[in-house]
C-alpha atoms as a PDB file:
ATOM      1  CA  MET A   1       2.951  -4.345 -46.146  1.00  0.00           C
ATOM      2  CA  LYS A   2       2.258  -7.650 -44.391  1.00  0.00           C
ATOM      3  CA  ARG A   3      -1.015  -6.275 -42.995  1.00  0.00           C
ATOM      4  CA  LEU A   4      -1.954  -5.137 -46.502  1.00  0.00           C
ATOM      5  CA  TYR A   5      -1.487  -8.658 -47.869  1.00  0.00           C
ATOM      6  CA  ILE A   6      -3.534 -10.153 -45.011  1.00  0.00           C
ATOM      7  CA  PHE A   7      -6.333  -7.627 -45.608  1.00  0.00           C
ATOM      8  CA  ILE A   8      -6.415  -8.399 -49.342  1.00  0.00           C
ATOM      9  CA  LEU A   9      -6.328 -12.158 -48.682  1.00  0.00           C
ATOM     10  CA  LEU A  10      -9.342 -11.930 -46.364  1.00  0.00           C
ATOM     11  CA  PHE A  11     -11.173  -9.860 -48.962  1.00  0.00           C
ATOM     12  CA  VAL A  12     -10.412 -12.446 -51.670  1.00  0.00           C
ATOM     13  CA  VAL A  13     -11.625 -15.317 -49.477  1.00  0.00           C
ATOM     14  CA  LEU A  14     -14.836 -13.596 -48.353  1.00  0.00           C
ATOM     15  CA  TYR A  15     -15.785 -12.049 -51.704  1.00  0.00           C
ATOM     16  CA  PRO A  16     -16.996 -15.263 -53.404  1.00  0.00           C
ATOM     17  CA  ILE A  17     -19.072 -16.048 -50.305  1.00  0.00           C
ATOM     18  CA  LEU A  18     -20.700 -12.613 -50.180  1.00  0.00           C
ATOM     19  CA  TYR A  19     -21.007 -12.346 -53.955  1.00  0.00           C
ATOM     20  CA  PRO A  20     -22.316 -15.694 -55.245  1.00  0.00           C
ATOM     21  CA  ILE A  21     -22.628 -16.202 -58.987  1.00  0.00           C
ATOM     22  CA  LYS A  22     -26.066 -17.108 -60.287  1.00  0.00           C
ATOM     23  CA  SER A  23     -27.635 -17.460 -63.696  1.00  0.00           C
ATOM     24  CA  LEU A  24     -27.083 -14.199 -65.547  1.00  0.00           C
ATOM     25  CA  ALA A  25     -30.262 -14.622 -67.552  1.00  0.00           C
ATOM     26  CA  THR A  26     -32.301 -14.563 -64.340  1.00  0.00           C
ATOM     27  CA  VAL A  27     -31.117 -11.063 -63.531  1.00  0.00           C
ATOM     28  CA  GLU A  28     -31.430  -9.529 -66.988  1.00  0.00           C
ATOM     29  CA  TYR A  29     -34.327 -11.208 -68.756  1.00  0.00           C
ATOM     30  CA  ALA A  30     -36.672 -11.851 -65.849  1.00  0.00           C
ATOM     31  CA  ARG A  31     -36.689  -8.118 -65.110  1.00  0.00           C
ATOM     32  CA  GLN A  32     -37.583  -7.329 -68.713  1.00  0.00           C
ATOM     33  CA  THR A  33     -40.496  -9.778 -68.851  1.00  0.00           C
ATOM     34  CA  GLY A  34     -41.686  -9.452 -65.277  1.00  0.00           C
ATOM     35  CA  LYS A  35     -41.960 -13.249 -65.197  1.00  0.00           C
ATOM     36  CA  SER A  36     -40.347 -15.816 -62.931  1.00  0.00           C
ATOM     37  CA  CYS A  37     -37.387 -17.932 -64.071  1.00  0.00           C
ATOM     38  CA  GLY A  38     -39.686 -20.905 -64.665  1.00  0.00           C
ATOM     39  CA  PHE A  39     -41.591 -18.968 -67.330  1.00  0.00           C
ATOM     40  CA  CYS A  40     -38.650 -19.149 -69.762  1.00  0.00           C
ATOM     41  CA  HIS A  41     -36.774 -22.170 -68.376  1.00  0.00           C
ATOM     42  CA  ILE A  42     -37.899 -25.734 -67.849  1.00  0.00           C
ATOM     43  CA  ASP A  43     -36.004 -25.683 -64.556  1.00  0.00           C
ATOM     44  CA  PRO A  44     -37.994 -23.358 -62.215  1.00  0.00           C
ATOM     45  CA  SER A  45     -34.741 -22.117 -60.660  1.00  0.00           C
ATOM     46  CA  GLY A  46     -33.515 -20.878 -64.060  1.00  0.00           C
ATOM     47  CA  GLY A  47     -30.824 -21.923 -66.502  1.00  0.00           C
ATOM     48  CA  GLY A  48     -30.725 -24.841 -68.903  1.00  0.00           C
ATOM     49  CA  PRO A  49     -33.276 -25.722 -71.625  1.00  0.00           C
ATOM     50  CA  LEU A  50     -35.902 -23.140 -72.555  1.00  0.00           C
ATOM     51  CA  THR A  51     -39.672 -23.419 -72.660  1.00  0.00           C
ATOM     52  CA  LYS A  52     -41.648 -22.422 -75.749  1.00  0.00           C
ATOM     53  CA  GLU A  53     -42.087 -18.925 -74.316  1.00  0.00           C
ATOM     54  CA  GLY A  54     -38.382 -18.737 -73.514  1.00  0.00           C
ATOM     55  CA  LYS A  55     -37.419 -19.662 -77.065  1.00  0.00           C
ATOM     56  CA  ALA A  56     -39.787 -17.033 -78.444  1.00  0.00           C
ATOM     57  CA  PHE A  57     -38.252 -14.389 -76.177  1.00  0.00           C
ATOM     58  CA  ARG A  58     -34.748 -15.464 -77.248  1.00  0.00           C
ATOM     59  CA  ASP A  59     -35.673 -15.268 -80.933  1.00  0.00           C
ATOM     60  CA  ASP A  60     -37.074 -11.773 -80.404  1.00  0.00           C
ATOM     61  CA  LEU A  61     -33.805 -10.682 -78.791  1.00  0.00           C
ATOM     62  CA  ARG A  62     -31.871 -12.162 -81.710  1.00  0.00           C
ATOM     63  CA  ILE A  63     -33.946 -10.160 -84.200  1.00  0.00           C
ATOM     64  CA  LYS A  64     -33.269  -6.979 -82.226  1.00  0.00           C
ATOM     65  CA  GLY A  65     -29.542  -7.727 -82.188  1.00  0.00           C
ATOM     66  CA  LEU A  66     -29.507  -8.146 -78.410  1.00  0.00           C
ATOM     67  CA  TYR A  67     -28.697 -11.851 -78.317  1.00  0.00           C
ATOM     68  CA  ARG A  68     -25.417 -13.488 -79.215  1.00  0.00           C
ATOM     69  CA  PRO A  69     -24.871 -17.081 -78.040  1.00  0.00           C
ATOM     70  CA  LEU A  70     -21.386 -18.253 -77.070  1.00  0.00           C
ATOM     71  CA  THR A  71     -19.794 -21.575 -77.949  1.00  0.00           C
ATOM     72  CA  GLY A  72     -18.558 -23.938 -75.242  1.00  0.00           C
ATOM     73  CA  THR A  73     -14.980 -22.747 -75.706  1.00  0.00           C
ATOM     74  CA  GLN A  74     -16.061 -19.114 -75.547  1.00  0.00           C
ATOM     75  CA  HIS A  75     -17.895 -19.792 -72.291  1.00  0.00           C
ATOM     76  CA  VAL A  76     -14.733 -21.242 -70.737  1.00  0.00           C
ATOM     77  CA  VAL A  77     -12.610 -18.323 -71.946  1.00  0.00           C
ATOM     78  CA  ARG A  78     -15.162 -15.835 -70.614  1.00  0.00           C
ATOM     79  CA  LEU A  79     -15.178 -17.628 -67.260  1.00  0.00           C
ATOM     80  CA  ILE A  80     -11.381 -17.374 -66.990  1.00  0.00           C
ATOM     81  CA  ILE A  81     -11.361 -13.713 -68.015  1.00  0.00           C
ATOM     82  CA  GLY A  82     -14.246 -12.946 -65.660  1.00  0.00           C
ATOM     83  CA  TYR A  83     -12.492 -14.657 -62.761  1.00  0.00           C
ATOM     84  CA  LEU A  84      -9.299 -12.690 -63.429  1.00  0.00           C
ATOM     85  CA  HIS A  85     -11.323  -9.470 -63.695  1.00  0.00           C
ATOM     86  CA  MET A  86     -13.113 -10.110 -60.402  1.00  0.00           C
ATOM     87  CA  MET A  87      -9.986 -11.129 -58.470  1.00  0.00           C
ATOM     88  CA  THR A  88      -8.063  -8.106 -59.762  1.00  0.00           C
ATOM     89  CA  ALA A  89     -10.915  -5.840 -58.665  1.00  0.00           C
ATOM     90  CA  VAL A  90     -10.859  -7.447 -55.211  1.00  0.00           C
ATOM     91  CA  VAL A  91      -7.100  -6.869 -54.865  1.00  0.00           C
ATOM     92  CA  TRP A  92      -7.298  -3.289 -56.175  1.00  0.00           C
ATOM     93  CA  PHE A  93     -10.308  -2.294 -54.086  1.00  0.00           C
ATOM     94  CA  GLY A  94      -8.867  -4.068 -51.054  1.00  0.00           C
ATOM     95  CA  ALA A  95      -5.634  -2.085 -51.347  1.00  0.00           C
ATOM     96  CA  ILE A  96      -7.552   1.202 -51.699  1.00  0.00           C
ATOM     97  CA  LEU A  97      -9.705   0.457 -48.653  1.00  0.00           C
ATOM     98  CA  TYR A  98      -6.677  -0.586 -46.596  1.00  0.00           C
ATOM     99  CA  VAL A  99      -4.597   2.486 -47.464  1.00  0.00           C
ATOM    100  CA  HIS A 100      -7.463   4.970 -47.050  1.00  0.00           C
ATOM    101  CA  LEU A 101      -9.239   3.543 -44.005  1.00  0.00           C
ATOM    102  CA  LEU A 102      -6.348   2.076 -42.007  1.00  0.00           C
ATOM    103  CA  LEU A 103      -3.147   3.843 -43.081  1.00  0.00           C
ATOM    104  CA  LYS A 104      -4.829   7.123 -44.147  1.00  0.00           C
ATOM    105  CA  PRO A 105      -3.767   9.079 -47.280  1.00  0.00           C
ATOM    106  CA  ALA A 106      -1.002  10.819 -45.288  1.00  0.00           C
ATOM    107  CA  TYR A 107       0.851   7.513 -45.653  1.00  0.00           C
ATOM    108  CA  ALA A 108       1.448   8.359 -49.323  1.00  0.00           C
ATOM    109  CA  ALA A 109       1.491  12.154 -49.004  1.00  0.00           C
ATOM    110  CA  ARG A 110       5.205  12.040 -48.226  1.00  0.00           C
ATOM    111  CA  GLY A 111       5.850  10.337 -51.568  1.00  0.00           C
ATOM    112  CA  LEU A 112       4.031   7.685 -53.562  1.00  0.00           C
ATOM    113  CA  PRO A 113       5.326   4.226 -52.508  1.00  0.00           C
ATOM    114  CA  ARG A 114       6.703   2.265 -55.446  1.00  0.00           C
ATOM    115  CA  GLY A 115       4.924  -0.944 -54.468  1.00  0.00           C
ATOM    116  CA  GLU A 116       1.505   0.705 -54.340  1.00  0.00           C
ATOM    117  CA  LEU A 117       2.122   2.357 -57.715  1.00  0.00           C
ATOM    118  CA  LEU A 118       2.956  -0.980 -59.340  1.00  0.00           C
ATOM    119  CA  LEU A 119      -0.045  -2.661 -57.725  1.00  0.00           C
ATOM    120  CA  GLY A 120      -2.393   0.151 -58.730  1.00  0.00           C
ATOM    121  CA  TRP A 121      -1.316   0.494 -62.356  1.00  0.00           C
ATOM    122  CA  GLY A 122      -1.019  -3.267 -62.808  1.00  0.00           C
ATOM    123  CA  SER A 123      -4.551  -3.740 -61.474  1.00  0.00           C
ATOM    124  CA  MET A 124      -5.968  -0.977 -63.659  1.00  0.00           C
ATOM    125  CA  ALA A 125      -4.296  -2.441 -66.753  1.00  0.00           C
ATOM    126  CA  VAL A 126      -5.695  -5.919 -66.088  1.00  0.00           C
ATOM    127  CA  MET A 127      -9.125  -4.464 -65.268  1.00  0.00           C
ATOM    128  CA  ALA A 128      -9.158  -2.443 -68.497  1.00  0.00           C
ATOM    129  CA  VAL A 129      -8.196  -5.389 -70.722  1.00  0.00           C
ATOM    130  CA  THR A 130     -10.441  -7.989 -69.086  1.00  0.00           C
ATOM    131  CA  GLY A 131     -13.308  -5.505 -68.742  1.00  0.00           C
ATOM    132  CA  THR A 132     -13.119  -4.664 -72.446  1.00  0.00           C
ATOM    133  CA  LEU A 133     -13.143  -8.349 -73.427  1.00  0.00           C
ATOM    134  CA  LEU A 134     -16.078  -9.099 -71.121  1.00  0.00           C
ATOM    135  CA  THR A 135     -18.026  -6.149 -72.509  1.00  0.00           C
ATOM    136  CA  ILE A 136     -17.438  -7.314 -76.088  1.00  0.00           C
ATOM    137  CA  ALA A 137     -18.615 -10.812 -75.166  1.00  0.00           C
ATOM    138  CA  ARG A 138     -21.618  -9.584 -73.200  1.00  0.00           C
ATOM    139  CA  VAL A 139     -22.863  -6.603 -75.220  1.00  0.00           C
ATOM    140  CA  PRO A 140     -23.767  -7.583 -78.804  1.00  0.00           C
ATOM    141  CA  SER A 141     -25.007  -4.112 -79.726  1.00  0.00           C
ATOM    142  CA  PHE A 142     -23.698  -0.658 -78.811  1.00  0.00           C
ATOM    143  CA  LYS A 143     -27.229   0.618 -78.236  1.00  0.00           C
ATOM    144  CA  MET A 144     -27.613  -1.965 -75.470  1.00  0.00           C
ATOM    145  CA  LEU A 145     -25.371   0.259 -73.309  1.00  0.00           C
ATOM    146  CA  PHE A 146     -28.015   2.990 -73.314  1.00  0.00           C
ATOM    147  CA  HIS A 147     -31.337   1.164 -73.707  1.00  0.00           C
ATOM    148  CA  THR A 148     -31.119  -1.681 -71.186  1.00  0.00           C
ATOM    149  CA  ARG A 149     -30.820  -1.603 -67.426  1.00  0.00           C
ATOM    150  CA  PHE A 150     -27.665  -3.723 -67.495  1.00  0.00           C
ATOM    151  CA  GLY A 151     -26.112  -1.531 -70.192  1.00  0.00           C
ATOM    152  CA  ILE A 152     -26.788   1.702 -68.304  1.00  0.00           C
ATOM    153  CA  LEU A 153     -25.288   0.336 -65.080  1.00  0.00           C
ATOM    154  CA  LEU A 154     -22.284  -0.973 -67.019  1.00  0.00           C
ATOM    155  CA  THR A 155     -21.801   2.444 -68.639  1.00  0.00           C
ATOM    156  CA  ILE A 156     -21.877   4.141 -65.230  1.00  0.00           C
ATOM    157  CA  LYS A 157     -19.290   1.673 -63.921  1.00  0.00           C
ATOM    158  CA  ILE A 158     -17.029   2.280 -66.927  1.00  0.00           C
ATOM    159  CA  ILE A 159     -17.252   6.069 -66.480  1.00  0.00           C
ATOM    160  CA  LEU A 160     -16.344   5.800 -62.784  1.00  0.00           C
ATOM    161  CA  PHE A 161     -13.400   3.551 -63.666  1.00  0.00           C
ATOM    162  CA  LEU A 162     -12.129   5.974 -66.330  1.00  0.00           C
ATOM    163  CA  ILE A 163     -12.298   8.878 -63.871  1.00  0.00           C
ATOM    164  CA  MET A 164     -10.275   6.842 -61.358  1.00  0.00           C
ATOM    165  CA  VAL A 165      -7.668   6.041 -64.027  1.00  0.00           C
ATOM    166  CA  THR A 166      -7.467   9.717 -65.002  1.00  0.00           C
ATOM    167  CA  SER A 167      -6.976  10.805 -61.390  1.00  0.00           C
ATOM    168  CA  ALA A 168      -4.311   8.109 -60.954  1.00  0.00           C
ATOM    169  CA  ALA A 169      -2.446   9.451 -63.999  1.00  0.00           C
ATOM    170  CA  ILE A 170      -2.573  13.015 -62.643  1.00  0.00           C
ATOM    171  CA  VAL A 171      -1.325  11.903 -59.222  1.00  0.00           C
ATOM    172  CA  THR A 172       1.420   9.677 -60.656  1.00  0.00           C
ATOM    173  CA  PHE A 173       2.857  11.974 -63.319  1.00  0.00           C
ATOM    174  CA  ILE A 174       2.068  15.486 -62.049  1.00  0.00           C
ATOM    175  CA  ILE A 175       1.462  15.501 -58.302  1.00  0.00           C
ATOM    176  CA  GLY A 176       3.785  12.594 -57.454  1.00  0.00           C
ATOM    177  CA  PRO A 177       6.996  14.272 -58.694  1.00  0.00           C
ATOM    178  CA  LYS A 178       6.106  17.422 -56.718  1.00  0.00           C
ATOM    179  CA  LEU A 179       5.588  15.388 -53.548  1.00  0.00           C
ATOM    180  CA  LYS A 180       8.934  13.683 -54.102  1.00  0.00           C
ATOM    181  CA  LYS A 181      10.667  17.014 -54.751  1.00  0.00           C
ATOM    182  CA  LYS A 182       9.307  18.438 -51.520  1.00  0.00           C
ATOM    183  CA  LYS A 183      10.418  15.335 -49.661  1.00  0.00           C
ATOM    184  CA  MET A 184      13.983  15.586 -50.975  1.00  0.00           C
ATOM    185  CA  GLU A 185      14.142  19.294 -50.128  1.00  0.00           C
ATOM    186  CA  ALA A 186      13.239  18.498 -46.521  1.00  0.00           C
ATOM    187  CA  ILE A 187      15.993  15.884 -46.392  1.00  0.00           C
ATOM    188  CA  ARG A 188      18.617  18.223 -47.850  1.00  0.00           C
ATOM    189  CA  GLU A 189      17.718  21.028 -45.423  1.00  0.00           C
ATOM    190  CA  HIS A 190      18.135  18.658 -42.467  1.00  0.00           C
ATOM    191  CA  LYS A 191      16.137  21.034 -40.285  1.00  0.00           C
ATOM    192  CA  GLN A 192      16.470  20.800 -36.524  1.00  0.00           C
ATOM    193  CA  ASP A 193      12.869  21.733 -35.739  1.00  0.00           C
ATOM    194  CA  LEU A 194      10.228  19.963 -37.795  1.00  0.00           C
ATOM    195  CA  THR A 195       6.476  20.067 -38.164  1.00  0.00           C
ATOM    196  CA  VAL A 196       4.520  16.815 -38.106  1.00  0.00           C
ATOM    197  CA  GLU A 197       4.300  16.997 -41.885  1.00  0.00           C
ATOM    198  CA  GLU A 198       8.042  17.539 -42.299  1.00  0.00           C
ATOM    199  CA  LEU A 199       8.809  14.758 -39.828  1.00  0.00           C
ATOM    200  CA  SER A 200       6.920  12.326 -42.052  1.00  0.00           C
ATOM    201  CA  GLN A 201       9.525  12.851 -44.787  1.00  0.00           C
ATOM    202  CA  PHE A 202      12.160  11.123 -42.642  1.00  0.00           C
ATOM    203  CA  ASP A 203      10.756   7.608 -42.855  1.00  0.00           C
ATOM    204  CA  GLY A 204      14.011   5.645 -43.145  1.00  0.00           C
ATOM    205  CA  LYS A 205      13.163   4.277 -46.586  1.00  0.00           C
ATOM    206  CA  GLU A 206      15.188   4.513 -49.806  1.00  0.00           C
ATOM    207  CA  ASP A 207      18.295   5.717 -47.906  1.00  0.00           C
ATOM    208  CA  ARG A 208      16.410   8.536 -46.136  1.00  0.00           C
ATOM    209  CA  PRO A 209      17.124   9.227 -42.427  1.00  0.00           C
ATOM    210  CA  ALA A 210      14.740   7.726 -39.874  1.00  0.00           C
ATOM    211  CA  TYR A 211      13.378  10.204 -37.307  1.00  0.00           C
ATOM    212  CA  VAL A 212      10.749   9.729 -34.611  1.00  0.00           C
ATOM    213  CA  ALA A 213       9.168  12.169 -32.178  1.00  0.00           C
ATOM    214  CA  TYR A 214       8.577  11.644 -28.470  1.00  0.00           C
ATOM    215  CA  ASN A 215       7.224  14.169 -25.972  1.00  0.00           C
ATOM    216  CA  GLY A 216       7.789  17.066 -28.338  1.00  0.00           C
ATOM    217  CA  ARG A 217      11.385  16.130 -29.188  1.00  0.00           C
ATOM    218  CA  ILE A 218      12.744  14.532 -32.366  1.00  0.00           C
ATOM    219  CA  TYR A 219      15.247  11.672 -32.303  1.00  0.00           C
ATOM    220  CA  ASP A 220      17.397  10.110 -35.019  1.00  0.00           C
ATOM    221  CA  VAL A 221      17.005   6.306 -35.028  1.00  0.00           C
ATOM    222  CA  THR A 222      18.740   5.796 -38.371  1.00  0.00           C
ATOM    223  CA  GLY A 223      21.719   4.010 -36.850  1.00  0.00           C
ATOM    224  CA  SER A 224      19.673   1.571 -34.766  1.00  0.00           C
ATOM    225  CA  ARG A 225      19.460  -1.989 -36.066  1.00  0.00           C
ATOM    226  CA  LEU A 226      16.002  -2.171 -34.487  1.00  0.00           C
ATOM    227  CA  TRP A 227      14.800   0.496 -36.927  1.00  0.00           C
ATOM    228  CA  LYS A 228      16.101  -1.080 -40.114  1.00  0.00           C
ATOM    229  CA  GLY A 229      14.164   0.159 -43.131  1.00  0.00           C
ATOM    230  CA  GLY A 230      12.306   2.695 -40.999  1.00  0.00           C
ATOM    231  CA  ALA A 231      10.229   0.087 -39.144  1.00  0.00           C
ATOM    232  CA  HIS A 232      10.493  -1.101 -35.539  1.00  0.00           C
ATOM    233  CA  MET A 233       9.347  -4.652 -34.782  1.00  0.00           C
ATOM    234  CA  ARG A 234       6.966  -4.383 -37.762  1.00  0.00           C
ATOM    235  CA  LYS A 235       4.640  -2.264 -35.629  1.00  0.00           C
ATOM    236  CA  HIS A 236       5.963   1.301 -35.589  1.00  0.00           C
ATOM    237  CA  LEU A 237       7.144   3.431 -38.503  1.00  0.00           C
ATOM    238  CA  ALA A 238       9.707   6.200 -38.576  1.00  0.00           C
ATOM    239  CA  GLY A 239       8.431   9.660 -39.430  1.00  0.00           C
ATOM    240  CA  PHE A 240       5.714   9.640 -36.766  1.00  0.00           C
ATOM    241  CA  ASP A 241       5.116  10.891 -33.235  1.00  0.00           C
ATOM    242  CA  LEU A 242       5.410   7.841 -30.951  1.00  0.00           C
ATOM    243  CA  THR A 243       4.376   9.537 -27.712  1.00  0.00           C
ATOM    244  CA  ASP A 244       1.099   7.623 -27.436  1.00  0.00           C
ATOM    245  CA  ALA A 245       2.599   4.391 -28.752  1.00  0.00           C
ATOM    246  CA  MET A 246       5.230   4.407 -25.994  1.00  0.00           C
ATOM    247  CA  LYS A 247       2.498   3.978 -23.377  1.00  0.00           C
ATOM    248  CA  GLN A 248       1.921   0.447 -24.648  1.00  0.00           C
ATOM    249  CA  ALA A 249       5.553  -0.417 -25.379  1.00  0.00           C
ATOM    250  CA  PRO A 250       7.161  -3.308 -23.443  1.00  0.00           C
ATOM    251  CA  HIS A 251      10.214  -1.128 -22.719  1.00  0.00           C
ATOM    252  CA  GLY A 252      10.742   2.273 -21.151  1.00  0.00           C
ATOM    253  CA  GLU A 253      11.374   5.652 -22.737  1.00  0.00           C
ATOM    254  CA  ASP A 254      15.107   5.219 -22.220  1.00  0.00           C
ATOM    255  CA  LYS A 255      15.293   3.288 -25.496  1.00  0.00           C
ATOM    256  CA  ILE A 256      14.306   6.447 -27.367  1.00  0.00           C
ATOM    257  CA  LEU A 257      16.085   8.951 -25.138  1.00  0.00           C
ATOM    258  CA  GLU A 258      19.419   7.247 -25.779  1.00  0.00           C
ATOM    259  CA  MET A 259      19.096   8.060 -29.487  1.00  0.00           C
ATOM    260  CA  PRO A 260      20.631  11.292 -30.879  1.00  0.00           C
ATOM    261  CA  GLU A 261      18.265  14.219 -30.369  1.00  0.00           C
ATOM    262  CA  ILE A 262      17.673  16.276 -33.520  1.00  0.00           C
ATOM    263  CA  GLY A 263      15.384  19.063 -32.376  1.00  0.00           C
ATOM    264  CA  ARG A 264      11.825  19.740 -31.341  1.00  0.00           C
ATOM    265  CA  LEU A 265       8.474  18.889 -32.874  1.00  0.00           C
ATOM    266  CA  LEU A 266       6.603  22.061 -33.758  1.00  0.00           C
ATOM    267  CA  GLU A 267       3.045  22.549 -32.544  1.00  0.00           C
ATOM    268  CA  SER A 268       0.166  22.231 -34.996  1.00  0.00           C
ATOM    269  CA  HIS A 269      -0.510  25.979 -35.011  1.00  0.00           C
ATOM    270  CA  GLU A 270       3.033  26.499 -36.254  1.00  0.00           C
ATOM    271  CA  GLU A 271       2.506  24.342 -39.312  1.00  0.00           C
ATOM    272  CA  VAL A 272       2.266  25.992 -42.695  1.00  0.00           C
ATOM    273  CA  LYS A 273      -0.714  25.637 -45.004  1.00  0.00           C
ATOM    274  CA  ARG A 274      -0.599  22.620 -47.307  1.00  0.00           C
ATOM    275  CA  PRO A 275       0.504  23.484 -50.860  1.00  0.00           C
ATOM    276  CA  LEU A 276      -2.034  23.199 -53.674  1.00  0.00           C
ATOM    277  CA  HIS A 277      -0.614  19.992 -55.152  1.00  0.00           C
ATOM    278  CA  GLU A 278      -0.859  18.246 -51.785  1.00  0.00           C
ATOM    279  CA  ARG A 279      -4.463  19.362 -51.296  1.00  0.00           C
ATOM    280  CA  VAL A 280      -5.271  18.045 -54.777  1.00  0.00           C
ATOM    281  CA  PHE A 281      -3.628  14.755 -53.811  1.00  0.00           C
ATOM    282  CA  TYR A 282      -5.880  14.396 -50.760  1.00  0.00           C
ATOM    283  CA  PHE A 283      -8.935  15.303 -52.861  1.00  0.00           C
ATOM    284  CA  PHE A 284      -8.189  12.587 -55.423  1.00  0.00           C
ATOM    285  CA  ALA A 285      -7.406  10.084 -52.672  1.00  0.00           C
ATOM    286  CA  TYR A 286     -10.783  10.465 -50.985  1.00  0.00           C
ATOM    287  CA  MET A 287     -12.576  10.793 -54.325  1.00  0.00           C
ATOM    288  CA  ASN A 288     -11.268   7.367 -55.360  1.00  0.00           C
ATOM    289  CA  LEU A 289     -12.396   5.932 -52.036  1.00  0.00           C
ATOM    290  CA  VAL A 290     -15.917   7.250 -52.700  1.00  0.00           C
ATOM    291  CA  PHE A 291     -15.803   5.845 -56.236  1.00  0.00           C
ATOM    292  CA  VAL A 292     -14.943   2.389 -54.890  1.00  0.00           C
ATOM    293  CA  PHE A 293     -18.135   2.431 -52.825  1.00  0.00           C
ATOM    294  CA  LEU A 294     -20.099   3.759 -55.815  1.00  0.00           C
ATOM    295  CA  ILE A 295     -18.860   0.972 -58.097  1.00  0.00           C
ATOM    296  CA  ILE A 296     -19.736  -1.648 -55.488  1.00  0.00           C
ATOM    297  CA  PHE A 297     -23.174  -0.011 -55.178  1.00  0.00           C
ATOM    298  CA  VAL A 298     -23.675  -0.174 -58.965  1.00  0.00           C
ATOM    299  CA  ILE A 299     -22.763  -3.881 -58.931  1.00  0.00           C
ATOM    300  CA  SER A 300     -25.195  -4.412 -56.052  1.00  0.00           C
ATOM    301  CA  LEU A 301     -27.979  -2.732 -58.044  1.00  0.00           C
ATOM    302  CA  TRP A 302     -27.252  -4.989 -61.000  1.00  0.00           C
ATOM    303  CA  ARG A 303     -27.123  -8.186 -58.961  1.00  0.00           C
ATOM    304  CA  TRP A 304     -29.733  -7.763 -56.257  1.00  0.00           C
ATOM    305  CA  TRP A 305     -32.164  -4.930 -57.060  1.00  0.00           C
END
């Protein structure tokens, strides 16, 4: 989890640098008129007092119901809500990228971690509330969602978000319990010979035994104080084959061989086919990863295209 927090922290620090905030009018209105910022604003760089042409364009938008000015207090409130929305998105997307690209979905296939569930649902709740408030403040007319470039991109982003929330609900309330049931069945059976998939169920967390594999054999490290909570020196996790990791370990194989031997690690061709609910879990996992990149692409189109 420490690496997850570091990854998210770096993302939070770099995001404002890579995603600078500029005048919103420059992006939306300049594209509609085909004019430079200085055409509507006295300041050539945009923002601030309007020229005569700028005032005429604003009045035309007001007549069409596409312009709704905010008071000073409303601007401050929108800034706070927008900041919270952006930071929550950074944390949520950062966690998804970390789990999918570094840990791989198999990390959660043996049971959805409670911490990730709380982070995910908390982020989605904050994103939904702040996103709704920002949309209300930014979109004065419902037809703007379908007749302006900004509205269309916003609609696409909302649809992608809703699909991600739906998939999260399916995984949490339908697939998650099945993954947990399978995990508990593996623990109760206490099998001597395990496949790689079955070995992953014995991760040493939530009072489960901690098993590791080495050179085709499985060892029980539950009683070792060096494997407390299923983690060894914050680098290695129980439930995995540590044969390759041992090559870089500062100690010899005797540290593992002195642990109680449980059985043997079955070869990959002996593994059974993944059940349907687990295949659906992997599908949703990678689908959400793709959607993260799509949402970032939509934001990039809005800001820089």
